[in-house]
Amino acid sequence: MDRRRARRRSRIRQSVFPFARFLVHSVLSATPTAAQANGAFSEYVVADAELQVVPIPGGWSFEEAAQLGVAPLTALQCLHETLELPSPFEARPTTEQPQRTILIWGGASAVGQYAIQFAKLGGLRVVTTASSKNFDLVKGLGADEVFDYRDEGVVEKIRVATGNALDIAFDTISEGKTPAQVTGAIGDKGGKVAAVLPYESPRPTVKVTFSILPNLIRRVRLI
């Protein structure tokens, strides 16, 4: 009986998706249906095909594709919704509109690695932080300048490197010392910070906005 059932299921899989492979990303865990007792080891799962199912690129394993869920979408949300940056498909900087600088704190994190690449595609000058062992990694992703987050003088060095004019930042860590460090790196005129965990800005001229992907998913469903 079990063997016949297994063969039938195999035929169903092959008839419905004979070639494609899909990853149901972890945003599913934060959707309203996940609050119900639907189990975590289900053989089949119902997911939103447009928002939660990602085709796996050819040549990738499921393990390699596992990072295609929350990290890149969170990076996109923080850059283009929270910080209101133009998409890479819009006009690049010109002589009338000089290149803008963004600080991405935690460039070697999963979200930070995507944020660096997306920001560079958008024509931004990317300043980031990482441990010294990851300098080559983030530079390879497109970072223009990298600072060691362990350096006690890192905030002042970033302010000098940005001419005390930095007005946008993305805090991919959002805990410990980073709230003070990231907001402290913003120039005297103030600016905006996108954060992945909620915290109050220690500076009145710096607006911190907490962004979480499930909030974006819920808004998309309401449209």
N, C-alpha and C. Protein backbone atom coordinates (compact mmCIF):
# COMPACT_ATOMS: atom_id res chain seq x y z
N MET A 1 0.83 -1.20 0.00
CA MET A 1 0.00 0.00 0.00
C MET A 1 0.87 1.25 0.00
N ASP A 2 1.87 1.30 0.87
CA ASP A 2 2.75 2.45 0.96
C ASP A 2 3.53 2.65 -0.33
N ARG A 3 3.96 1.55 -0.94
CA ARG A 3 4.71 1.66 -2.19
C ARG A 3 3.83 2.20 -3.30
N ARG A 4 2.57 1.73 -3.40
CA ARG A 4 1.67 2.23 -4.43
C ARG A 4 1.39 3.72 -4.23
N ARG A 5 1.23 4.12 -2.98
CA ARG A 5 0.98 5.53 -2.69
C ARG A 5 2.18 6.38 -3.07
N ALA A 6 3.37 5.91 -2.78
CA ALA A 6 4.59 6.65 -3.11
C ALA A 6 4.74 6.79 -4.62
N ARG A 7 4.43 5.68 -5.38
CA ARG A 7 4.54 5.75 -6.83
C ARG A 7 3.52 6.75 -7.40
N ARG A 8 2.30 6.75 -6.84
CA ARG A 8 1.27 7.67 -7.31
C ARG A 8 1.69 9.12 -7.07
N ARG A 9 2.24 9.40 -5.89
CA ARG A 9 2.68 10.75 -5.59
C ARG A 9 3.81 11.18 -6.52
N SER A 10 4.71 10.26 -6.83
CA SER A 10 5.81 10.57 -7.73
C SER A 10 5.29 10.93 -9.11
N ARG A 11 4.27 10.18 -9.59
CA ARG A 11 3.70 10.48 -10.91
C ARG A 11 3.02 11.85 -10.91
N ILE A 12 2.38 12.20 -9.80
CA ILE A 12 1.72 13.50 -9.70
C ILE A 12 2.74 14.62 -9.78
N ARG A 13 3.83 14.47 -9.04
CA ARG A 13 4.87 15.49 -9.05
C ARG A 13 5.42 15.68 -10.47
N GLN A 14 5.70 14.58 -11.14
CA GLN A 14 6.28 14.65 -12.47
C GLN A 14 5.32 15.23 -13.49
N SER A 15 4.03 14.97 -13.34
CA SER A 15 3.05 15.48 -14.30
C SER A 15 2.79 16.97 -14.10
N VAL A 16 2.85 17.45 -12.83
CA VAL A 16 2.55 18.85 -12.56
C VAL A 16 3.78 19.72 -12.83
N PHE A 17 4.93 19.34 -12.31
CA PHE A 17 6.16 20.10 -12.49
C PHE A 17 7.25 19.15 -13.01
N PRO A 18 7.23 18.82 -14.31
CA PRO A 18 8.17 17.83 -14.82
C PRO A 18 9.62 18.28 -14.81
N PHE A 19 9.87 19.61 -14.91
CA PHE A 19 11.25 20.08 -15.01
C PHE A 19 11.60 21.11 -13.92
N ALA A 20 10.64 21.92 -13.53
CA ALA A 20 10.94 23.05 -12.64
C ALA A 20 11.15 22.61 -11.20
N ARG A 21 11.97 23.36 -10.48
CA ARG A 21 12.18 23.18 -9.05
C ARG A 21 11.87 24.51 -8.38
N PHE A 22 11.24 24.46 -7.21
CA PHE A 22 10.83 25.68 -6.55
C PHE A 22 11.23 25.65 -5.09
N LEU A 23 11.47 26.83 -4.57
CA LEU A 23 11.76 27.00 -3.15
C LEU A 23 10.65 27.84 -2.55
N VAL A 24 9.98 27.31 -1.51
CA VAL A 24 9.00 28.09 -0.77
C VAL A 24 9.76 28.76 0.35
N HIS A 25 9.95 30.09 0.23
CA HIS A 25 10.85 30.75 1.17
C HIS A 25 10.20 31.02 2.50
N SER A 26 11.04 31.45 3.46
CA SER A 26 10.63 31.46 4.86
C SER A 26 9.71 32.60 5.24
N VAL A 27 9.34 33.45 4.28
CA VAL A 27 8.32 34.44 4.59
C VAL A 27 7.03 33.72 5.00
N LEU A 28 6.89 32.50 4.53
CA LEU A 28 5.70 31.70 4.86
C LEU A 28 5.51 31.60 6.37
N SER A 29 6.60 31.54 7.11
CA SER A 29 6.49 31.36 8.56
C SER A 29 5.91 32.57 9.25
N ALA A 30 5.87 33.70 8.55
CA ALA A 30 5.36 34.92 9.18
C ALA A 30 4.00 35.35 8.65
N THR A 31 3.40 34.53 7.79
CA THR A 31 2.10 34.87 7.24
C THR A 31 1.00 34.42 8.18
N PRO A 32 -0.21 34.99 8.05
CA PRO A 32 -1.29 34.65 8.98
C PRO A 32 -1.59 33.16 9.08
N THR A 33 -1.50 32.43 7.96
CA THR A 33 -1.84 31.01 8.01
C THR A 33 -0.85 30.23 8.86
N ALA A 34 0.37 30.74 8.99
CA ALA A 34 1.38 30.02 9.77
C ALA A 34 1.07 30.05 11.26
N ALA A 35 0.18 30.96 11.67
CA ALA A 35 -0.18 31.02 13.08
C ALA A 35 -1.10 29.87 13.46
N GLN A 36 -1.64 29.21 12.46
CA GLN A 36 -2.51 28.07 12.72
C GLN A 36 -1.66 26.81 12.91
N ALA A 37 -2.29 25.79 13.49
CA ALA A 37 -1.56 24.54 13.77
C ALA A 37 -1.50 23.70 12.50
N ASN A 38 -0.68 24.14 11.54
CA ASN A 38 -0.59 23.42 10.27
C ASN A 38 0.67 22.58 10.15
N GLY A 39 1.50 22.56 11.17
CA GLY A 39 2.66 21.68 11.17
C GLY A 39 3.84 22.24 10.40
N ALA A 40 5.03 21.75 10.74
CA ALA A 40 6.25 22.22 10.08
C ALA A 40 6.89 21.16 9.21
N PHE A 41 6.38 19.94 9.23
CA PHE A 41 6.99 18.86 8.46
C PHE A 41 6.00 18.29 7.45
N SER A 42 5.12 19.14 6.94
CA SER A 42 4.13 18.68 5.97
C SER A 42 4.81 18.26 4.68
N GLU A 43 4.26 17.23 4.05
CA GLU A 43 4.80 16.80 2.76
C GLU A 43 4.40 17.76 1.66
N TYR A 44 3.22 18.38 1.80
CA TYR A 44 2.75 19.36 0.85
C TYR A 44 2.40 20.65 1.60
N VAL A 45 2.56 21.78 0.92
CA VAL A 45 2.27 23.06 1.56
C VAL A 45 1.61 23.98 0.55
N VAL A 46 0.67 24.79 1.01
CA VAL A 46 0.00 25.75 0.16
C VAL A 46 0.69 27.09 0.35
N ALA A 47 1.12 27.71 -0.75
CA ALA A 47 1.85 28.98 -0.68
C ALA A 47 1.39 29.89 -1.79
N ASP A 48 1.59 31.18 -1.59
CA ASP A 48 1.26 32.19 -2.59
C ASP A 48 2.28 32.10 -3.73
N ALA A 49 1.83 31.76 -4.91
CA ALA A 49 2.73 31.53 -6.04
C ALA A 49 3.49 32.78 -6.44
N GLU A 50 2.90 33.96 -6.25
CA GLU A 50 3.55 35.19 -6.69
C GLU A 50 4.50 35.76 -5.64
N LEU A 51 4.22 35.49 -4.37
CA LEU A 51 4.98 36.15 -3.31
C LEU A 51 5.89 35.23 -2.53
N GLN A 52 5.65 33.94 -2.55
CA GLN A 52 6.39 33.05 -1.66
C GLN A 52 7.11 31.91 -2.35
N VAL A 53 6.96 31.77 -3.64
CA VAL A 53 7.57 30.66 -4.36
C VAL A 53 8.62 31.21 -5.32
N VAL A 54 9.86 30.75 -5.15
CA VAL A 54 10.97 31.24 -5.95
C VAL A 54 11.51 30.12 -6.82
N PRO A 55 11.55 30.30 -8.15
CA PRO A 55 12.16 29.28 -9.01
C PRO A 55 13.65 29.15 -8.70
N ILE A 56 14.13 27.94 -8.60
CA ILE A 56 15.55 27.70 -8.31
C ILE A 56 16.35 27.77 -9.62
N PRO A 57 17.37 28.61 -9.69
CA PRO A 57 18.18 28.69 -10.91
C PRO A 57 18.81 27.35 -11.26
N GLY A 58 18.96 27.10 -12.53
CA GLY A 58 19.57 25.86 -12.98
C GLY A 58 20.99 25.71 -12.45
N GLY A 59 21.33 24.52 -12.01
CA GLY A 59 22.66 24.27 -11.48
C GLY A 59 22.79 24.53 -9.99
N TRP A 60 21.74 25.09 -9.36
CA TRP A 60 21.77 25.33 -7.92
C TRP A 60 21.14 24.17 -7.18
N SER A 61 21.70 23.86 -6.01
CA SER A 61 21.09 22.86 -5.14
C SER A 61 20.03 23.54 -4.28
N PHE A 62 19.20 22.75 -3.62
CA PHE A 62 18.22 23.33 -2.71
C PHE A 62 18.93 24.06 -1.56
N GLU A 63 20.07 23.53 -1.13
CA GLU A 63 20.82 24.17 -0.05
C GLU A 63 21.32 25.55 -0.48
N GLU A 64 21.82 25.64 -1.72
CA GLU A 64 22.32 26.93 -2.22
C GLU A 64 21.18 27.92 -2.41
N ALA A 65 20.01 27.41 -2.77
CA ALA A 65 18.87 28.29 -3.02
C ALA A 65 18.15 28.71 -1.75
N ALA A 66 18.49 28.11 -0.62
CA ALA A 66 17.77 28.39 0.62
C ALA A 66 17.87 29.86 1.04
N GLN A 67 18.92 30.56 0.57
CA GLN A 67 19.08 31.96 0.96
C GLN A 67 18.32 32.93 0.04
N LEU A 68 17.55 32.42 -0.90
CA LEU A 68 16.83 33.29 -1.83
C LEU A 68 15.52 33.83 -1.28
N GLY A 69 15.23 33.58 -0.03
CA GLY A 69 13.96 34.00 0.52
C GLY A 69 13.97 35.39 1.10
N VAL A 70 14.15 35.49 2.40
CA VAL A 70 13.96 36.76 3.11
C VAL A 70 15.07 37.78 2.82
N ALA A 71 16.33 37.38 2.76
CA ALA A 71 17.43 38.34 2.69
C ALA A 71 17.35 39.30 1.50
N PRO A 72 17.23 38.82 0.26
CA PRO A 72 17.19 39.78 -0.86
C PRO A 72 15.95 40.66 -0.85
N LEU A 73 14.80 40.10 -0.46
CA LEU A 73 13.58 40.89 -0.44
C LEU A 73 13.61 41.95 0.67
N THR A 74 14.22 41.60 1.81
CA THR A 74 14.37 42.58 2.88
C THR A 74 15.28 43.73 2.43
N ALA A 75 16.36 43.38 1.74
CA ALA A 75 17.27 44.41 1.24
C ALA A 75 16.55 45.34 0.27
N LEU A 76 15.77 44.78 -0.63
CA LEU A 76 15.03 45.59 -1.60
C LEU A 76 14.01 46.48 -0.90
N GLN A 77 13.32 45.92 0.09
CA GLN A 77 12.32 46.70 0.80
C GLN A 77 12.94 47.89 1.52
N CYS A 78 14.05 47.64 2.22
CA CYS A 78 14.68 48.72 2.98
C CYS A 78 15.26 49.80 2.07
N LEU A 79 15.83 49.40 0.95
CA LEU A 79 16.44 50.37 0.05
C LEU A 79 15.40 51.19 -0.71
N HIS A 80 14.40 50.50 -1.27
CA HIS A 80 13.51 51.17 -2.21
C HIS A 80 12.17 51.60 -1.62
N GLU A 81 11.75 50.99 -0.52
CA GLU A 81 10.53 51.43 0.12
C GLU A 81 10.83 52.34 1.31
N THR A 82 11.66 51.87 2.23
CA THR A 82 11.95 52.66 3.42
C THR A 82 12.80 53.90 3.10
N LEU A 83 13.90 53.70 2.38
CA LEU A 83 14.77 54.83 2.04
C LEU A 83 14.37 55.53 0.76
N GLU A 84 13.39 54.99 0.07
CA GLU A 84 12.82 55.61 -1.14
C GLU A 84 13.88 55.88 -2.22
N LEU A 85 14.79 54.94 -2.39
CA LEU A 85 15.82 55.08 -3.42
C LEU A 85 15.28 54.65 -4.77
N PRO A 86 15.76 55.25 -5.84
CA PRO A 86 15.29 54.85 -7.17
C PRO A 86 15.75 53.44 -7.51
N SER A 87 15.02 52.80 -8.37
CA SER A 87 15.40 51.45 -8.78
C SER A 87 16.59 51.51 -9.73
N PRO A 88 17.30 50.38 -9.91
CA PRO A 88 18.44 50.37 -10.83
C PRO A 88 18.04 50.66 -12.27
N PHE A 89 16.75 50.56 -12.58
CA PHE A 89 16.29 50.79 -13.95
C PHE A 89 16.05 52.27 -14.24
N GLU A 90 16.11 53.11 -13.21
CA GLU A 90 15.92 54.54 -13.40
C GLU A 90 17.25 55.22 -13.69
N ALA A 91 17.20 56.52 -13.93
CA ALA A 91 18.39 57.27 -14.36
C ALA A 91 19.52 57.19 -13.35
N ARG A 92 20.75 57.08 -13.85
CA ARG A 92 21.93 57.08 -13.02
C ARG A 92 22.35 58.52 -12.70
N PRO A 93 23.27 58.71 -11.74
CA PRO A 93 23.73 60.06 -11.40
C PRO A 93 24.33 60.79 -12.60
N THR A 94 24.11 62.08 -12.67
CA THR A 94 24.66 62.93 -13.72
C THR A 94 25.45 64.05 -13.07
N THR A 95 25.98 64.94 -13.90
CA THR A 95 26.72 66.08 -13.34
C THR A 95 25.80 66.98 -12.53
N GLU A 96 24.50 67.03 -12.92
CA GLU A 96 23.54 67.82 -12.17
C GLU A 96 23.12 67.10 -10.89
N GLN A 97 23.14 65.77 -10.90
CA GLN A 97 22.76 64.96 -9.75
C GLN A 97 23.93 64.05 -9.38
N PRO A 98 24.83 64.53 -8.53
CA PRO A 98 26.03 63.75 -8.19
C PRO A 98 25.69 62.45 -7.48
N GLN A 99 26.65 61.55 -7.49
CA GLN A 99 26.47 60.23 -6.87
C GLN A 99 26.18 60.36 -5.39
N ARG A 100 25.18 59.63 -4.93
CA ARG A 100 24.77 59.66 -3.53
C ARG A 100 25.48 58.54 -2.78
N THR A 101 25.73 58.75 -1.51
CA THR A 101 26.42 57.77 -0.68
C THR A 101 25.45 57.12 0.29
N ILE A 102 25.57 55.82 0.47
CA ILE A 102 24.79 55.10 1.47
C ILE A 102 25.73 54.31 2.38
N LEU A 103 25.40 54.28 3.65
CA LEU A 103 26.12 53.42 4.59
C LEU A 103 25.31 52.16 4.81
N ILE A 104 25.93 51.00 4.56
CA ILE A 104 25.30 49.72 4.84
C ILE A 104 26.07 49.08 5.98
N TRP A 105 25.49 49.14 7.17
CA TRP A 105 26.18 48.61 8.34
C TRP A 105 25.94 47.10 8.43
N GLY A 106 27.04 46.34 8.43
CA GLY A 106 26.92 44.88 8.43
C GLY A 106 26.90 44.33 7.02
N GLY A 107 27.87 44.75 6.22
CA GLY A 107 27.89 44.37 4.81
C GLY A 107 28.11 42.90 4.55
N ALA A 108 28.69 42.18 5.50
CA ALA A 108 28.94 40.75 5.29
C ALA A 108 27.78 39.88 5.74
N SER A 109 26.74 40.50 6.32
CA SER A 109 25.56 39.72 6.72
C SER A 109 24.80 39.29 5.47
N ALA A 110 23.86 38.38 5.62
CA ALA A 110 23.10 37.90 4.47
C ALA A 110 22.36 39.04 3.78
N VAL A 111 21.67 39.87 4.57
CA VAL A 111 20.96 41.01 4.01
C VAL A 111 21.94 42.04 3.47
N GLY A 112 23.03 42.26 4.19
CA GLY A 112 24.01 43.25 3.78
C GLY A 112 24.65 42.94 2.44
N GLN A 113 24.92 41.67 2.17
CA GLN A 113 25.54 41.30 0.90
C GLN A 113 24.63 41.64 -0.28
N TYR A 114 23.34 41.38 -0.11
CA TYR A 114 22.40 41.75 -1.17
C TYR A 114 22.28 43.27 -1.28
N ALA A 115 22.23 43.94 -0.14
CA ALA A 115 22.05 45.40 -0.14
C ALA A 115 23.20 46.09 -0.88
N ILE A 116 24.41 45.62 -0.68
CA ILE A 116 25.56 46.20 -1.37
C ILE A 116 25.38 46.10 -2.88
N GLN A 117 25.01 44.93 -3.34
CA GLN A 117 24.87 44.71 -4.78
C GLN A 117 23.73 45.53 -5.37
N PHE A 118 22.59 45.56 -4.67
CA PHE A 118 21.46 46.34 -5.17
C PHE A 118 21.77 47.83 -5.18
N ALA A 119 22.46 48.30 -4.13
CA ALA A 119 22.80 49.72 -4.07
C ALA A 119 23.76 50.11 -5.20
N LYS A 120 24.72 49.25 -5.49
CA LYS A 120 25.65 49.54 -6.59
C LYS A 120 24.92 49.54 -7.93
N LEU A 121 23.98 48.62 -8.10
CA LEU A 121 23.20 48.60 -9.34
C LEU A 121 22.42 49.90 -9.50
N GLY A 122 22.05 50.51 -8.38
CA GLY A 122 21.33 51.77 -8.41
C GLY A 122 22.22 52.99 -8.54
N GLY A 123 23.51 52.78 -8.71
CA GLY A 123 24.44 53.88 -8.94
C GLY A 123 24.92 54.58 -7.69
N LEU A 124 24.74 53.96 -6.52
CA LEU A 124 25.16 54.59 -5.27
C LEU A 124 26.62 54.31 -4.94
N ARG A 125 27.21 55.21 -4.21
CA ARG A 125 28.52 54.97 -3.61
C ARG A 125 28.25 54.24 -2.30
N VAL A 126 28.84 53.06 -2.13
CA VAL A 126 28.53 52.22 -0.98
C VAL A 126 29.68 52.22 0.02
N VAL A 127 29.35 52.68 1.22
CA VAL A 127 30.27 52.59 2.36
C VAL A 127 29.69 51.54 3.29
N THR A 128 30.52 50.61 3.74
CA THR A 128 30.00 49.52 4.56
C THR A 128 30.96 49.18 5.69
N THR A 129 30.47 48.35 6.60
CA THR A 129 31.31 47.86 7.70
C THR A 129 31.35 46.34 7.66
N ALA A 130 32.43 45.79 8.16
CA ALA A 130 32.60 44.34 8.24
C ALA A 130 33.81 44.07 9.11
N SER A 131 34.00 42.82 9.48
CA SER A 131 35.24 42.45 10.16
C SER A 131 36.35 42.42 9.11
N SER A 132 37.58 42.58 9.54
CA SER A 132 38.69 42.67 8.59
C SER A 132 38.80 41.44 7.70
N LYS A 133 38.40 40.28 8.22
CA LYS A 133 38.50 39.06 7.41
C LYS A 133 37.52 39.06 6.25
N ASN A 134 36.49 39.92 6.30
CA ASN A 134 35.49 39.96 5.24
C ASN A 134 35.61 41.18 4.33
N PHE A 135 36.71 41.91 4.46
CA PHE A 135 36.91 43.09 3.61
C PHE A 135 36.89 42.72 2.13
N ASP A 136 37.62 41.69 1.76
CA ASP A 136 37.67 41.29 0.35
C ASP A 136 36.30 40.83 -0.16
N LEU A 137 35.55 40.17 0.72
CA LEU A 137 34.21 39.70 0.33
C LEU A 137 33.32 40.88 -0.06
N VAL A 138 33.22 41.88 0.81
CA VAL A 138 32.30 42.99 0.53
C VAL A 138 32.81 43.88 -0.60
N LYS A 139 34.12 43.99 -0.72
CA LYS A 139 34.66 44.75 -1.84
C LYS A 139 34.36 44.04 -3.16
N GLY A 140 34.42 42.72 -3.13
CA GLY A 140 34.09 41.95 -4.32
C GLY A 140 32.63 42.09 -4.73
N LEU A 141 31.77 42.42 -3.77
CA LEU A 141 30.35 42.62 -4.06
C LEU A 141 30.06 44.03 -4.55
N GLY A 142 31.06 44.92 -4.43
CA GLY A 142 30.89 46.26 -4.96
C GLY A 142 31.08 47.39 -3.98
N ALA A 143 31.38 47.11 -2.72
CA ALA A 143 31.56 48.18 -1.74
C ALA A 143 32.73 49.08 -2.14
N ASP A 144 32.53 50.39 -2.03
CA ASP A 144 33.58 51.34 -2.40
C ASP A 144 34.57 51.56 -1.26
N GLU A 145 34.06 51.61 -0.03
CA GLU A 145 34.91 51.78 1.14
C GLU A 145 34.40 50.88 2.26
N VAL A 146 35.34 50.26 2.98
CA VAL A 146 34.98 49.33 4.05
C VAL A 146 35.70 49.73 5.33
N PHE A 147 34.96 49.70 6.43
CA PHE A 147 35.52 50.02 7.73
C PHE A 147 35.27 48.86 8.69
N ASP A 148 36.24 48.65 9.58
CA ASP A 148 36.13 47.59 10.57
C ASP A 148 35.18 48.03 11.68
N TYR A 149 34.08 47.31 11.83
CA TYR A 149 33.09 47.72 12.84
C TYR A 149 33.63 47.60 14.26
N ARG A 150 34.72 46.86 14.45
CA ARG A 150 35.31 46.71 15.78
C ARG A 150 36.17 47.92 16.17
N ASP A 151 36.52 48.73 15.19
CA ASP A 151 37.36 49.91 15.44
C ASP A 151 36.59 50.91 16.29
N GLU A 152 37.14 51.32 17.42
CA GLU A 152 36.48 52.26 18.31
C GLU A 152 36.21 53.61 17.64
N GLY A 153 37.02 53.94 16.65
CA GLY A 153 36.84 55.22 15.96
C GLY A 153 36.11 55.11 14.65
N VAL A 154 35.37 54.00 14.44
CA VAL A 154 34.76 53.75 13.14
C VAL A 154 33.73 54.81 12.76
N VAL A 155 32.96 55.30 13.72
CA VAL A 155 31.92 56.28 13.40
C VAL A 155 32.54 57.57 12.90
N GLU A 156 33.56 58.05 13.58
CA GLU A 156 34.21 59.29 13.17
C GLU A 156 34.90 59.11 11.82
N LYS A 157 35.47 57.94 11.56
CA LYS A 157 36.13 57.69 10.27
C LYS A 157 35.11 57.72 9.13
N ILE A 158 33.91 57.18 9.38
CA ILE A 158 32.87 57.20 8.35
C ILE A 158 32.40 58.63 8.11
N ARG A 159 32.27 59.41 9.18
CA ARG A 159 31.86 60.81 9.03
C ARG A 159 32.88 61.60 8.20
N VAL A 160 34.15 61.31 8.43
CA VAL A 160 35.21 61.98 7.65
C VAL A 160 35.14 61.54 6.20
N ALA A 161 35.00 60.22 5.97
CA ALA A 161 34.98 59.68 4.61
C ALA A 161 33.78 60.18 3.80
N THR A 162 32.69 60.52 4.50
CA THR A 162 31.49 60.98 3.82
C THR A 162 31.32 62.50 3.90
N GLY A 163 32.35 63.19 4.38
CA GLY A 163 32.31 64.64 4.45
C GLY A 163 31.24 65.17 5.37
N ASN A 164 30.90 64.41 6.38
CA ASN A 164 29.87 64.80 7.34
C ASN A 164 28.54 65.12 6.64
N ALA A 165 28.30 64.44 5.50
CA ALA A 165 27.11 64.74 4.71
C ALA A 165 26.26 63.50 4.46
N LEU A 166 26.57 62.39 5.10
CA LEU A 166 25.80 61.16 4.90
C LEU A 166 24.36 61.38 5.38
N ASP A 167 23.38 60.99 4.55
CA ASP A 167 21.99 61.19 4.95
C ASP A 167 21.12 59.94 4.84
N ILE A 168 21.69 58.83 4.39
CA ILE A 168 20.94 57.58 4.34
C ILE A 168 21.82 56.42 4.79
N ALA A 169 21.21 55.50 5.53
CA ALA A 169 21.95 54.34 6.01
C ALA A 169 21.01 53.16 6.17
N PHE A 170 21.57 51.98 6.11
CA PHE A 170 20.83 50.73 6.25
C PHE A 170 21.52 49.92 7.33
N ASP A 171 20.85 49.76 8.47
CA ASP A 171 21.40 49.01 9.60
C ASP A 171 20.90 47.57 9.51
N THR A 172 21.74 46.67 9.02
CA THR A 172 21.34 45.27 8.85
C THR A 172 21.52 44.46 10.13
N ILE A 173 22.03 45.09 11.18
CA ILE A 173 22.23 44.42 12.47
C ILE A 173 21.17 44.89 13.47
N SER A 174 21.10 46.18 13.70
CA SER A 174 20.04 46.82 14.48
C SER A 174 19.97 46.38 15.94
N GLU A 175 21.08 46.08 16.54
CA GLU A 175 21.10 45.74 17.96
C GLU A 175 22.49 46.00 18.52
N GLY A 176 22.60 45.95 19.85
CA GLY A 176 23.89 46.21 20.47
C GLY A 176 24.28 47.67 20.31
N LYS A 177 25.47 47.92 19.78
CA LYS A 177 25.97 49.27 19.61
C LYS A 177 25.49 49.93 18.33
N THR A 178 24.94 49.16 17.41
CA THR A 178 24.69 49.71 16.07
C THR A 178 23.69 50.87 16.04
N PRO A 179 22.64 50.90 16.87
CA PRO A 179 21.76 52.08 16.81
C PRO A 179 22.51 53.39 17.01
N ALA A 180 23.41 53.43 17.99
CA ALA A 180 24.19 54.65 18.23
C ALA A 180 25.22 54.87 17.14
N GLN A 181 25.83 53.78 16.65
CA GLN A 181 26.87 53.91 15.64
C GLN A 181 26.31 54.37 14.30
N VAL A 182 25.24 53.74 13.86
CA VAL A 182 24.69 54.07 12.55
C VAL A 182 24.12 55.48 12.53
N THR A 183 23.30 55.81 13.52
CA THR A 183 22.75 57.17 13.57
C THR A 183 23.85 58.20 13.79
N GLY A 184 24.90 57.80 14.50
CA GLY A 184 26.02 58.71 14.74
C GLY A 184 26.82 59.01 13.49
N ALA A 185 26.80 58.09 12.52
CA ALA A 185 27.54 58.29 11.28
C ALA A 185 26.82 59.24 10.32
N ILE A 186 25.52 59.43 10.54
CA ILE A 186 24.76 60.37 9.72
C ILE A 186 25.28 61.79 9.96
N GLY A 187 25.34 62.59 8.90
CA GLY A 187 25.87 63.94 9.00
C GLY A 187 25.05 64.86 9.89
N ASP A 188 25.58 66.04 10.13
CA ASP A 188 24.95 66.98 11.06
C ASP A 188 23.55 67.41 10.61
N LYS A 189 23.29 67.39 9.32
CA LYS A 189 21.98 67.82 8.82
C LYS A 189 20.89 66.76 9.04
N GLY A 190 21.31 65.56 9.45
CA GLY A 190 20.34 64.49 9.71
C GLY A 190 20.08 63.63 8.49
N GLY A 191 19.14 62.68 8.65
CA GLY A 191 18.85 61.77 7.55
C GLY A 191 17.94 60.65 7.98
N LYS A 192 17.99 59.56 7.22
CA LYS A 192 17.11 58.41 7.44
C LYS A 192 17.91 57.13 7.57
N VAL A 193 17.43 56.23 8.44
CA VAL A 193 18.04 54.92 8.63
C VAL A 193 16.97 53.86 8.50
N ALA A 194 17.23 52.84 7.69
CA ALA A 194 16.36 51.67 7.60
C ALA A 194 16.92 50.61 8.53
N ALA A 195 16.09 50.06 9.40
CA ALA A 195 16.54 49.08 10.39
C ALA A 195 15.74 47.79 10.27
N VAL A 196 16.38 46.67 10.59
CA VAL A 196 15.70 45.37 10.50
C VAL A 196 15.15 44.91 11.85
N LEU A 197 15.47 45.67 12.91
CA LEU A 197 14.88 45.48 14.23
C LEU A 197 14.47 46.85 14.75
N PRO A 198 13.41 46.93 15.54
CA PRO A 198 12.94 48.25 15.97
C PRO A 198 13.83 48.87 17.05
N TYR A 199 14.11 50.15 16.91
CA TYR A 199 14.76 50.91 17.97
C TYR A 199 14.49 52.39 17.78
N GLU A 200 14.57 53.13 18.88
CA GLU A 200 14.35 54.57 18.85
C GLU A 200 15.65 55.27 18.44
N SER A 201 15.51 56.27 17.61
CA SER A 201 16.69 57.02 17.21
C SER A 201 17.20 57.87 18.37
N PRO A 202 18.50 57.82 18.66
CA PRO A 202 19.05 58.66 19.72
C PRO A 202 19.27 60.10 19.27
N ARG A 203 19.02 60.37 17.98
CA ARG A 203 19.18 61.72 17.45
C ARG A 203 17.86 62.23 16.87
N PRO A 204 17.41 63.39 17.27
CA PRO A 204 16.13 63.90 16.77
C PRO A 204 16.12 64.19 15.28
N THR A 205 17.29 64.43 14.69
CA THR A 205 17.36 64.75 13.26
C THR A 205 17.53 63.52 12.38
N VAL A 206 17.58 62.35 13.01
CA VAL A 206 17.73 61.10 12.26
C VAL A 206 16.48 60.25 12.46
N LYS A 207 15.79 59.95 11.38
CA LYS A 207 14.59 59.13 11.44
C LYS A 207 14.95 57.66 11.20
N VAL A 208 14.58 56.80 12.14
CA VAL A 208 14.82 55.36 12.01
C VAL A 208 13.50 54.67 11.72
N THR A 209 13.47 53.88 10.66
CA THR A 209 12.26 53.15 10.28
C THR A 209 12.53 51.66 10.30
N PHE A 210 11.73 50.95 11.06
CA PHE A 210 11.84 49.49 11.16
C PHE A 210 11.06 48.86 10.01
N SER A 211 11.75 48.05 9.22
CA SER A 211 11.14 47.39 8.08
C SER A 211 11.24 45.89 8.24
N ILE A 212 10.13 45.21 8.02
CA ILE A 212 10.12 43.75 8.08
C ILE A 212 9.32 43.24 6.89
N LEU A 213 9.85 42.22 6.23
CA LEU A 213 9.29 41.75 4.98
C LEU A 213 7.82 41.35 5.06
N PRO A 214 7.38 40.63 6.09
CA PRO A 214 5.96 40.26 6.14
C PRO A 214 5.01 41.45 6.08
N ASN A 215 5.45 42.61 6.59
CA ASN A 215 4.61 43.81 6.47
C ASN A 215 4.42 44.20 5.02
N LEU A 216 5.50 44.10 4.23
CA LEU A 216 5.40 44.40 2.81
C LEU A 216 4.50 43.39 2.11
N ILE A 217 4.64 42.11 2.46
CA ILE A 217 3.81 41.08 1.85
C ILE A 217 2.34 41.33 2.13
N ARG A 218 2.03 41.71 3.37
CA ARG A 218 0.63 41.97 3.71
C ARG A 218 0.08 43.17 2.95
N ARG A 219 0.92 44.22 2.75
CA ARG A 219 0.46 45.39 2.01
C ARG A 219 0.22 45.04 0.56
N VAL A 220 1.10 44.19 -0.01
CA VAL A 220 0.94 43.78 -1.40
C VAL A 220 -0.37 43.03 -1.59
N ARG A 221 -0.71 42.19 -0.61
CA ARG A 221 -1.95 41.41 -0.73
C ARG A 221 -3.19 42.31 -0.65
N LEU A 222 -3.07 43.48 -0.01
CA LEU A 222 -4.21 44.38 0.14
C LEU A 222 -4.45 45.20 -1.12
N ILE A 223 -3.47 45.28 -1.99
CA ILE A 223 -3.60 46.09 -3.21
C ILE A 223 -4.53 45.39 -4.22
